[in-house]
């Protein structure tokens, strides 16, 4: 991840944490696609955020549409260079720079089934625990019970 993207990611994570969300980066969805940020709050609202540091990446990325059925709200987190891009009204936009982070376009609420939501929340917890384990124990290797592998077994 380049320096601009890392800054956008960090600022967005701080912003969402201040709004009451718990966040995990590089989260694998059941469709095997990996999102930049997944966030969940106490109301069980699920957000997915894709970080884009330049217009070219925003224009060519089409895989984000495959994320929509796994979240209640979808956002792009952008820096100041995306002012000219028109994004659909049902998609949220978080604008961030060194000075402030703000939502400049609110997304439309997307209802997802209770079963799907419960599965995502469980996998979120398992993935977060695995990432924490690897932080504490660097010799702990990715296994079939963590991160991207959590969807291979049916629960």
Protein backbone atom coordinates (compact mmCIF):
# COMPACT_ATOMS: atom_id res chain seq x y z
CA UNK A 1 0.00 0.00 0.00
CA UNK A 2 1.41 3.39 -0.96
CA UNK A 3 1.95 6.24 1.51
CA UNK A 4 -1.14 8.22 0.45
CA UNK A 5 -3.37 5.17 0.77
CA UNK A 6 -1.94 4.36 4.20
CA UNK A 7 -2.66 7.92 5.37
CA UNK A 8 -6.24 7.74 4.08
CA UNK A 9 -6.67 4.33 5.75
CA UNK A 10 -5.32 5.54 9.10
CA UNK A 11 -7.39 8.74 9.13
CA UNK A 12 -10.54 6.86 8.14
CA UNK A 13 -10.00 4.27 10.87
CA UNK A 14 -9.60 7.02 13.48
CA UNK A 15 -12.70 8.80 12.19
CA UNK A 16 -14.84 5.65 12.34
CA UNK A 17 -13.48 4.69 15.76
CA UNK A 18 -14.54 8.14 17.04
CA UNK A 19 -18.02 7.38 15.66
CA UNK A 20 -18.26 4.17 17.73
CA UNK A 21 -17.11 1.58 15.20
CA UNK A 22 -14.66 -1.27 15.64
CA UNK A 23 -12.57 -1.61 12.50
CA UNK A 24 -10.48 -4.28 10.85
CA UNK A 25 -8.38 -3.81 7.73
CA UNK A 26 -7.93 -6.28 4.88
CA UNK A 27 -11.06 -8.27 5.71
CA UNK A 28 -11.98 -11.25 3.51
CA UNK A 29 -15.64 -11.51 2.52
CA UNK A 30 -17.46 -14.80 1.92
CA UNK A 31 -17.04 -14.24 -1.85
CA UNK A 32 -13.24 -14.29 -1.29
CA UNK A 33 -12.92 -10.57 -2.10
CA UNK A 34 -10.87 -8.56 0.35
CA UNK A 35 -12.04 -5.12 1.47
CA UNK A 36 -9.77 -2.36 2.73
CA UNK A 37 -11.85 -1.70 5.87
CA UNK A 38 -14.77 -3.43 7.56
CA UNK A 39 -16.39 -1.70 10.53
CA UNK A 40 -19.14 -2.72 12.95
CA UNK A 41 -20.87 -0.75 15.70
CA UNK A 42 -23.05 -1.73 18.67
CA UNK A 43 -26.18 -1.35 16.52
CA UNK A 44 -24.74 -4.17 14.36
CA UNK A 45 -24.40 -1.82 11.40
CA UNK A 46 -21.76 -3.06 8.99
CA UNK A 47 -19.69 -0.64 6.92
CA UNK A 48 -17.27 -1.42 4.14
CA UNK A 49 -14.77 1.23 3.10
CA UNK A 50 -12.58 1.14 0.01
CA UNK A 51 -9.57 3.46 0.04
CA UNK A 52 -8.67 5.26 -3.18
CA UNK A 53 -5.66 7.56 -3.33
CA UNK A 54 -5.99 8.63 -6.96
CA UNK A 55 -8.58 9.10 -9.67
CA UNK A 56 -7.17 6.37 -11.90
CA UNK A 57 -7.66 3.67 -9.24
CA UNK A 58 -11.17 4.91 -8.51
CA UNK A 59 -12.16 4.82 -12.19
CA UNK A 60 -10.78 1.35 -12.97
CA UNK A 61 -11.94 -0.44 -9.82
CA UNK A 62 -15.14 -2.37 -10.51
CA UNK A 63 -14.87 -5.08 -7.85
CA UNK A 64 -16.39 -2.88 -5.14
CA UNK A 65 -19.86 -3.65 -6.53
CA UNK A 66 -19.38 -7.23 -5.31
CA UNK A 67 -19.04 -5.91 -1.72
CA UNK A 68 -22.46 -4.27 -1.50
CA UNK A 69 -24.44 -7.34 -0.42
CA UNK A 70 -22.18 -7.74 2.65
CA UNK A 71 -22.71 -4.33 4.27
CA UNK A 72 -25.35 -1.88 5.39
CA UNK A 73 -23.29 1.09 4.22
CA UNK A 74 -20.56 1.34 1.58
CA UNK A 75 -18.05 4.19 1.39
CA UNK A 76 -15.09 5.27 -0.66
CA UNK A 77 -12.44 7.02 1.42
CA UNK A 78 -10.67 9.58 -0.73
CA UNK A 79 -8.13 12.35 -0.43
CA UNK A 80 -8.61 15.83 -1.91
CA UNK A 81 -7.81 14.80 -5.48
CA UNK A 82 -11.17 13.16 -6.22
CA UNK A 83 -13.29 16.31 -6.26
CA UNK A 84 -14.32 15.86 -9.90
CA UNK A 85 -15.54 12.26 -9.68
CA UNK A 86 -19.30 11.66 -9.68
CA UNK A 87 -20.20 8.70 -7.48
CA UNK A 88 -23.71 7.22 -7.27
CA UNK A 89 -25.88 8.66 -4.52
CA UNK A 90 -26.29 5.30 -2.74
CA UNK A 91 -22.51 5.18 -2.15
CA UNK A 92 -20.94 7.16 0.67
CA UNK A 93 -17.84 9.31 0.42
CA UNK A 94 -15.40 9.98 3.23
CA UNK A 95 -12.94 12.75 2.42
CA UNK A 96 -9.77 12.92 4.44
CA UNK A 97 -6.51 14.82 4.53
CA UNK A 98 -4.00 15.81 7.19
CA UNK A 99 -6.36 18.40 8.65
CA UNK A 100 -9.74 16.69 8.89
CA UNK A 101 -11.86 13.71 7.91
CA UNK A 102 -15.54 14.06 7.08
CA UNK A 103 -18.44 12.35 5.37
CA UNK A 104 -19.25 14.42 2.31
CA UNK A 105 -21.86 12.02 0.89
CA UNK A 106 -23.97 9.71 3.04
CA UNK A 107 -24.75 6.28 1.60
CA UNK A 108 -28.18 4.71 1.36
CA UNK A 109 -28.92 2.00 3.97
CA UNK A 110 -28.69 -1.51 2.52
CA UNK A 111 -30.65 -4.17 4.42
CA UNK A 112 -28.89 -7.52 4.68
CA UNK A 113 -30.38 -10.73 6.07
CA UNK A 114 -29.97 -11.60 9.75
CA UNK A 115 -28.23 -14.85 8.81
CA UNK A 116 -25.70 -13.12 6.55
CA UNK A 117 -25.11 -10.37 9.09
CA UNK A 118 -24.54 -12.90 11.90
CA UNK A 119 -22.07 -14.84 9.75
CA UNK A 120 -20.15 -11.69 8.85
CA UNK A 121 -19.99 -10.56 12.48
CA UNK A 122 -18.70 -13.97 13.59
CA UNK A 123 -16.07 -14.00 10.85
CA UNK A 124 -15.13 -10.42 11.76
CA UNK A 125 -14.51 -11.55 15.34
CA UNK A 126 -12.49 -14.58 14.25
CA UNK A 127 -10.40 -12.54 11.84
CA UNK A 128 -9.76 -9.83 14.44
CA UNK A 129 -8.70 -12.41 17.02
CA UNK A 130 -6.37 -14.01 14.50
CA UNK A 131 -4.80 -10.67 13.58
CA UNK A 132 -4.32 -9.86 17.25
CA UNK A 133 -2.71 -13.26 17.84
CA UNK A 134 -0.25 -12.62 14.99
CA UNK A 135 0.55 -9.20 16.46
CA UNK A 136 1.46 -10.75 19.81
CA UNK A 137 3.07 -13.90 18.40
CA UNK A 138 4.88 -13.19 15.11
CA UNK A 139 5.62 -16.92 14.67
CA UNK A 140 1.90 -17.67 14.49
CA UNK A 141 1.36 -18.30 10.79
CA UNK A 142 -1.76 -17.91 8.70
CA UNK A 143 -3.73 -21.10 9.01
CA UNK A 144 -7.09 -22.38 7.95
CA UNK A 145 -8.68 -20.86 11.05
CA UNK A 146 -7.81 -17.23 10.43
CA UNK A 147 -7.99 -14.20 8.15
CA UNK A 148 -8.87 -15.04 4.55
CA UNK A 149 -9.32 -18.71 5.39
CA UNK A 150 -12.25 -18.26 7.79
CA UNK A 151 -14.82 -18.89 5.06
CA UNK A 152 -13.56 -22.29 3.96
CA UNK A 153 -15.39 -24.14 6.75
CA UNK A 154 -19.15 -24.02 7.24
CA UNK A 155 -20.26 -23.07 10.71
